Amino acid sequence: MTSTKERAGASRMYRECPAGHTRHWGPDGAAGALCWTRGRDGKLYVLLAKRSAHVQQGNTWAFPGGAIDQGESLIQAAIRELTEEVTGVPRLRIRGCASLSAPCPHGCGWAYTTFVVEAEPLAESDSYYGRTANVPRVAVAAGHSAWETDCVAWVPVGYVESLELHPAFAQAWPALREIIGEAAR
């Protein structure tokens, strides 16, 4: 049986932290897209994913993201990861989106960059199963990355802190929430 750490990829897909504290997924860094939208109820929602038990920090909530492929820009990597991991995401407003970079605190040169992007809200005519929907319907995308995620959901911004969050996301959440609040004005 494959160990949990090895299911995340071959060791060449990591950057070892010279300080010996950890290894980071993605030798060139990683990026993710934190999508937000305004529901029909007027509340702000973010698209979160519950990480499977088979990945580092499993069973915690975060947002889609992953390693930057060679030749990709940070935003290209974030959007690619989003579309690999989630289906049903409406058109995104990328222009003028904000980003937040979190470098390794040990100075190894690795960083995770989060892009805060707005997902187009539902049109008045959109419905699911004959009822009016509040937010776009999303699901875990089938394919090679499906094992990484248990489920995806639009979570009200005010409810995020009550979830068991990935530690790095929990640390970044106050700044990300502020970015969303400013963008939603």
C-alpha atoms as a PDB file:
ATOM      1  CA  MET A   1       0.000   0.000   0.000  1.00  0.00           C
ATOM      2  CA  THR A   2       1.250   3.506  -0.821  1.00  0.00           C
ATOM      3  CA  SER A   3       1.933   5.774   2.120  1.00  0.00           C
ATOM      4  CA  THR A   4      -0.155   8.913   2.545  1.00  0.00           C
ATOM      5  CA  LYS A   5       2.803  11.199   1.879  1.00  0.00           C
ATOM      6  CA  GLU A   6       3.798   9.388  -1.305  1.00  0.00           C
ATOM      7  CA  ARG A   7       0.265   9.536  -2.740  1.00  0.00           C
ATOM      8  CA  ALA A   8       0.816  13.295  -2.932  1.00  0.00           C
ATOM      9  CA  GLY A   9       3.544  12.742  -5.522  1.00  0.00           C
ATOM     10  CA  ALA A  10       7.119  11.768  -6.101  1.00  0.00           C
ATOM     11  CA  SER A  11       9.779  13.418  -3.949  1.00  0.00           C
ATOM     12  CA  ARG A  12      10.954  15.430  -6.977  1.00  0.00           C
ATOM     13  CA  MET A  13       7.641  17.296  -6.771  1.00  0.00           C
ATOM     14  CA  TYR A  14       8.668  18.791  -3.430  1.00  0.00           C
ATOM     15  CA  ARG A  15      11.118  21.454  -2.345  1.00  0.00           C
ATOM     16  CA  GLU A  16      13.043  20.467   0.728  1.00  0.00           C
ATOM     17  CA  CYS A  17      13.312  23.235   3.284  1.00  0.00           C
ATOM     18  CA  PRO A  18      17.047  23.613   4.021  1.00  0.00           C
ATOM     19  CA  ALA A  19      16.200  24.428   7.606  1.00  0.00           C
ATOM     20  CA  GLY A  20      15.029  20.807   7.873  1.00  0.00           C
ATOM     21  CA  HIS A  21      11.617  21.835   9.133  1.00  0.00           C
ATOM     22  CA  THR A  22       9.458  20.482   6.330  1.00  0.00           C
ATOM     23  CA  ARG A  23       9.141  19.931   2.623  1.00  0.00           C
ATOM     24  CA  HIS A  24       6.896  21.979   0.394  1.00  0.00           C
ATOM     25  CA  TRP A  25       4.661  20.724  -2.425  1.00  0.00           C
ATOM     26  CA  GLY A  26       5.876  22.212  -5.685  1.00  0.00           C
ATOM     27  CA  PRO A  27       9.569  22.856  -6.276  1.00  0.00           C
ATOM     28  CA  ASP A  28       8.742  26.261  -7.814  1.00  0.00           C
ATOM     29  CA  GLY A  29       6.101  27.195  -5.248  1.00  0.00           C
ATOM     30  CA  ALA A  30       2.350  26.789  -5.205  1.00  0.00           C
ATOM     31  CA  ALA A  31      -0.733  28.881  -5.886  1.00  0.00           C
ATOM     32  CA  GLY A  32      -4.441  28.744  -5.239  1.00  0.00           C
ATOM     33  CA  ALA A  33      -7.643  30.578  -6.051  1.00  0.00           C
ATOM     34  CA  LEU A  34     -10.003  31.613  -3.273  1.00  0.00           C
ATOM     35  CA  CYS A  35     -13.276  32.259  -5.119  1.00  0.00           C
ATOM     36  CA  TRP A  36     -16.007  34.386  -3.637  1.00  0.00           C
ATOM     37  CA  THR A  37     -19.464  35.322  -4.790  1.00  0.00           C
ATOM     38  CA  ARG A  38     -22.503  37.138  -3.512  1.00  0.00           C
ATOM     39  CA  GLY A  39     -25.485  34.850  -3.031  1.00  0.00           C
ATOM     40  CA  ARG A  40     -29.022  35.798  -3.875  1.00  0.00           C
ATOM     41  CA  ASP A  41     -29.528  36.313  -0.148  1.00  0.00           C
ATOM     42  CA  GLY A  42     -26.970  39.153  -0.273  1.00  0.00           C
ATOM     43  CA  LYS A  43     -24.395  37.244   1.815  1.00  0.00           C
ATOM     44  CA  LEU A  44     -20.804  36.673   0.694  1.00  0.00           C
ATOM     45  CA  TYR A  45     -19.693  33.076   0.128  1.00  0.00           C
ATOM     46  CA  VAL A  46     -16.274  31.484  -0.483  1.00  0.00           C
ATOM     47  CA  LEU A  47     -15.613  28.243  -2.330  1.00  0.00           C
ATOM     48  CA  LEU A  48     -13.860  25.793  -0.004  1.00  0.00           C
ATOM     49  CA  ALA A  49     -12.698  22.212  -0.317  1.00  0.00           C
ATOM     50  CA  LYS A  50     -12.462  19.615   2.433  1.00  0.00           C
ATOM     51  CA  ARG A  51      -9.096  17.928   1.977  1.00  0.00           C
ATOM     52  CA  SER A  52      -9.091  14.130   1.967  1.00  0.00           C
ATOM     53  CA  ALA A  53      -7.315  12.126   4.642  1.00  0.00           C
ATOM     54  CA  HIS A  54      -4.733  11.130   1.987  1.00  0.00           C
ATOM     55  CA  VAL A  55      -3.053  14.559   1.766  1.00  0.00           C
ATOM     56  CA  GLN A  56      -0.995  16.616   4.189  1.00  0.00           C
ATOM     57  CA  GLN A  57      -3.250  18.313   6.747  1.00  0.00           C
ATOM     58  CA  GLY A  58      -6.087  16.033   5.634  1.00  0.00           C
ATOM     59  CA  ASN A  59      -9.664  16.486   6.876  1.00  0.00           C
ATOM     60  CA  THR A  60      -9.225  20.255   7.021  1.00  0.00           C
ATOM     61  CA  TRP A  61     -10.897  22.926   4.884  1.00  0.00           C
ATOM     62  CA  ALA A  62      -8.966  25.085   2.441  1.00  0.00           C
ATOM     63  CA  PHE A  63      -9.411  26.270  -1.141  1.00  0.00           C
ATOM     64  CA  PRO A  64      -8.225  24.668  -4.377  1.00  0.00           C
ATOM     65  CA  GLY A  65      -4.545  25.087  -5.134  1.00  0.00           C
ATOM     66  CA  GLY A  66      -1.324  23.273  -5.786  1.00  0.00           C
ATOM     67  CA  ALA A  67       2.106  23.220  -7.350  1.00  0.00           C
ATOM     68  CA  ILE A  68       3.117  25.612 -10.095  1.00  0.00           C
ATOM     69  CA  ASP A  69       4.008  23.728 -13.276  1.00  0.00           C
ATOM     70  CA  GLN A  70       7.128  24.685 -15.190  1.00  0.00           C
ATOM     71  CA  GLY A  71       6.428  27.662 -17.457  1.00  0.00           C
ATOM     72  CA  GLU A  72       3.206  28.682 -15.699  1.00  0.00           C
ATOM     73  CA  SER A  73       2.549  32.067 -14.161  1.00  0.00           C
ATOM     74  CA  LEU A  74       1.205  32.139 -10.617  1.00  0.00           C
ATOM     75  CA  ILE A  75      -2.334  33.041 -11.741  1.00  0.00           C
ATOM     76  CA  GLN A  76      -2.288  30.357 -14.461  1.00  0.00           C
ATOM     77  CA  ALA A  77      -1.361  27.747 -11.845  1.00  0.00           C
ATOM     78  CA  ALA A  78      -4.084  28.912  -9.453  1.00  0.00           C
ATOM     79  CA  ILE A  79      -6.815  28.798 -12.109  1.00  0.00           C
ATOM     80  CA  ARG A  80      -5.583  25.457 -13.515  1.00  0.00           C
ATOM     81  CA  GLU A  81      -5.697  23.921 -10.043  1.00  0.00           C
ATOM     82  CA  LEU A  82      -9.191  25.309  -9.488  1.00  0.00           C
ATOM     83  CA  THR A  83     -10.516  23.832 -12.744  1.00  0.00           C
ATOM     84  CA  GLU A  84      -8.762  20.496 -12.105  1.00  0.00           C
ATOM     85  CA  GLU A  85     -10.333  20.183  -8.672  1.00  0.00           C
ATOM     86  CA  VAL A  86     -13.822  21.717  -9.003  1.00  0.00           C
ATOM     87  CA  THR A  87     -16.600  21.620 -11.596  1.00  0.00           C
ATOM     88  CA  GLY A  88     -19.405  24.135 -11.845  1.00  0.00           C
ATOM     89  CA  VAL A  89     -17.401  27.270 -11.072  1.00  0.00           C
ATOM     90  CA  PRO A  90     -18.980  30.134 -12.995  1.00  0.00           C
ATOM     91  CA  ARG A  91     -17.006  32.627 -15.038  1.00  0.00           C
ATOM     92  CA  LEU A  92     -14.351  34.328 -12.931  1.00  0.00           C
ATOM     93  CA  ARG A  93     -13.466  38.005 -12.784  1.00  0.00           C
ATOM     94  CA  ILE A  94      -9.695  37.898 -12.890  1.00  0.00           C
ATOM     95  CA  ARG A  95      -8.890  41.489 -13.839  1.00  0.00           C
ATOM     96  CA  GLY A  96      -7.796  43.447 -10.809  1.00  0.00           C
ATOM     97  CA  CYS A  97      -7.946  40.418  -8.506  1.00  0.00           C
ATOM     98  CA  ALA A  98      -5.906  40.685  -5.324  1.00  0.00           C
ATOM     99  CA  SER A  99      -3.231  38.263  -4.230  1.00  0.00           C
ATOM    100  CA  LEU A 100      -1.530  37.380  -0.985  1.00  0.00           C
ATOM    101  CA  SER A 101       1.868  35.681  -0.868  1.00  0.00           C
ATOM    102  CA  ALA A 102       2.999  33.546   2.063  1.00  0.00           C
ATOM    103  CA  PRO A 103       6.723  32.745   1.873  1.00  0.00           C
ATOM    104  CA  CYS A 104       8.242  29.931   3.884  1.00  0.00           C
ATOM    105  CA  PRO A 105       9.107  31.407   7.297  1.00  0.00           C
ATOM    106  CA  HIS A 106      12.466  29.605   7.182  1.00  0.00           C
ATOM    107  CA  GLY A 107      13.677  31.562   4.140  1.00  0.00           C
ATOM    108  CA  CYS A 108      14.057  28.652   1.714  1.00  0.00           C
ATOM    109  CA  GLY A 109      12.561  30.658  -1.180  1.00  0.00           C
ATOM    110  CA  TRP A 110       9.327  28.675  -1.499  1.00  0.00           C
ATOM    111  CA  ALA A 111       6.020  30.578  -1.348  1.00  0.00           C
ATOM    112  CA  TYR A 112       2.289  29.963  -1.628  1.00  0.00           C
ATOM    113  CA  THR A 113       0.376  32.677  -3.484  1.00  0.00           C
ATOM    114  CA  THR A 114      -3.369  33.030  -3.053  1.00  0.00           C
ATOM    115  CA  PHE A 115      -5.471  34.860  -5.627  1.00  0.00           C
ATOM    116  CA  VAL A 116      -8.818  36.191  -4.465  1.00  0.00           C
ATOM    117  CA  VAL A 117     -11.147  35.997  -7.475  1.00  0.00           C
ATOM    118  CA  GLU A 118     -14.808  36.812  -7.856  1.00  0.00           C
ATOM    119  CA  ALA A 119     -17.113  34.195  -9.347  1.00  0.00           C
ATOM    120  CA  GLU A 120     -20.005  35.565 -11.353  1.00  0.00           C
ATOM    121  CA  PRO A 121     -23.225  35.387  -9.314  1.00  0.00           C
ATOM    122  CA  LEU A 122     -26.176  33.356 -10.502  1.00  0.00           C
ATOM    123  CA  ALA A 123     -28.608  34.892 -12.941  1.00  0.00           C
ATOM    124  CA  GLU A 124     -32.184  35.318 -11.765  1.00  0.00           C
ATOM    125  CA  SER A 125     -33.277  32.450 -14.010  1.00  0.00           C
ATOM    126  CA  ASP A 126     -30.763  29.915 -12.643  1.00  0.00           C
ATOM    127  CA  SER A 127     -32.280  27.102 -10.626  1.00  0.00           C
ATOM    128  CA  TYR A 128     -31.406  23.554  -9.578  1.00  0.00           C
ATOM    129  CA  TYR A 129     -33.909  20.753  -9.370  1.00  0.00           C
ATOM    130  CA  GLY A 130     -36.829  23.148  -9.838  1.00  0.00           C
ATOM    131  CA  ARG A 131     -35.923  25.397  -6.923  1.00  0.00           C
ATOM    132  CA  THR A 132     -34.209  28.737  -6.859  1.00  0.00           C
ATOM    133  CA  ALA A 133     -30.513  28.389  -6.120  1.00  0.00           C
ATOM    134  CA  ASN A 134     -28.644  30.797  -3.857  1.00  0.00           C
ATOM    135  CA  VAL A 135     -25.107  30.077  -5.138  1.00  0.00           C
ATOM    136  CA  PRO A 136     -23.656  28.187  -8.124  1.00  0.00           C
ATOM    137  CA  ARG A 137     -23.709  24.397  -7.849  1.00  0.00           C
ATOM    138  CA  VAL A 138     -20.204  22.937  -7.606  1.00  0.00           C
ATOM    139  CA  ALA A 139     -18.728  19.449  -7.251  1.00  0.00           C
ATOM    140  CA  VAL A 140     -15.377  17.719  -6.931  1.00  0.00           C
ATOM    141  CA  ALA A 141     -14.017  17.280 -10.445  1.00  0.00           C
ATOM    142  CA  ALA A 142     -13.514  13.736 -11.673  1.00  0.00           C
ATOM    143  CA  GLY A 143     -10.021  12.872 -12.784  1.00  0.00           C
ATOM    144  CA  HIS A 144      -6.521  12.423 -11.499  1.00  0.00           C
ATOM    145  CA  SER A 145      -6.888  14.942  -8.632  1.00  0.00           C
ATOM    146  CA  ALA A 146     -10.255  13.727  -7.289  1.00  0.00           C
ATOM    147  CA  TRP A 147      -8.690  11.682  -4.479  1.00  0.00           C
ATOM    148  CA  GLU A 148      -7.300  14.890  -2.902  1.00  0.00           C
ATOM    149  CA  THR A 149     -10.719  16.319  -2.034  1.00  0.00           C
ATOM    150  CA  ASP A 150     -13.674  14.902  -0.084  1.00  0.00           C
ATOM    151  CA  CYS A 151     -16.143  17.649  -1.003  1.00  0.00           C
ATOM    152  CA  VAL A 152     -16.457  21.266  -2.116  1.00  0.00           C
ATOM    153  CA  ALA A 153     -18.981  23.849  -0.966  1.00  0.00           C
ATOM    154  CA  TRP A 154     -19.848  27.525  -0.981  1.00  0.00           C
ATOM    155  CA  VAL A 155     -19.447  28.568   2.651  1.00  0.00           C
ATOM    156  CA  PRO A 156     -20.844  31.828   4.060  1.00  0.00           C
ATOM    157  CA  VAL A 157     -17.913  34.104   4.921  1.00  0.00           C
ATOM    158  CA  GLY A 158     -19.179  34.449   8.498  1.00  0.00           C
ATOM    159  CA  TYR A 159     -19.106  30.652   8.968  1.00  0.00           C
ATOM    160  CA  VAL A 160     -15.545  29.956   7.738  1.00  0.00           C
ATOM    161  CA  GLU A 161     -13.881  30.320  11.145  1.00  0.00           C
ATOM    162  CA  SER A 162     -16.131  27.631  12.640  1.00  0.00           C
ATOM    163  CA  LEU A 163     -14.648  24.982  10.318  1.00  0.00           C
ATOM    164  CA  GLU A 164     -11.471  23.022  10.965  1.00  0.00           C
ATOM    165  CA  LEU A 165      -9.210  24.991   8.622  1.00  0.00           C
ATOM    166  CA  HIS A 166      -5.864  24.049   7.113  1.00  0.00           C
ATOM    167  CA  PRO A 167      -3.365  25.808   9.430  1.00  0.00           C
ATOM    168  CA  ALA A 168      -1.906  28.043   6.686  1.00  0.00           C
ATOM    169  CA  PHE A 169      -5.398  29.020   5.533  1.00  0.00           C
ATOM    170  CA  ALA A 170      -6.449  29.760   9.125  1.00  0.00           C
ATOM    171  CA  GLN A 171      -3.470  32.083   9.484  1.00  0.00           C
ATOM    172  CA  ALA A 172      -4.180  33.874   6.185  1.00  0.00           C
ATOM    173  CA  TRP A 173      -7.986  34.009   6.578  1.00  0.00           C
ATOM    174  CA  PRO A 174      -8.227  37.406   8.354  1.00  0.00           C
ATOM    175  CA  ALA A 175      -6.281  39.143   5.547  1.00  0.00           C
ATOM    176  CA  LEU A 176      -8.161  37.229   2.836  1.00  0.00           C
ATOM    177  CA  ARG A 177     -11.505  38.086   4.440  1.00  0.00           C
ATOM    178  CA  GLU A 178     -10.529  41.749   4.416  1.00  0.00           C
ATOM    179  CA  ILE A 179      -9.621  41.562   0.708  1.00  0.00           C
ATOM    180  CA  ILE A 180     -13.013  39.989  -0.053  1.00  0.00           C
ATOM    181  CA  GLY A 181     -14.820  42.610   2.006  1.00  0.00           C
ATOM    182  CA  GLU A 182     -13.088  45.448   0.152  1.00  0.00           C
ATOM    183  CA  ALA A 183     -13.746  43.864  -3.252  1.00  0.00           C
ATOM    184  CA  ALA A 184     -17.430  43.321  -2.445  1.00  0.00           C
ATOM    185  CA  ARG A 185     -18.096  47.000  -1.626  1.00  0.00           C
END
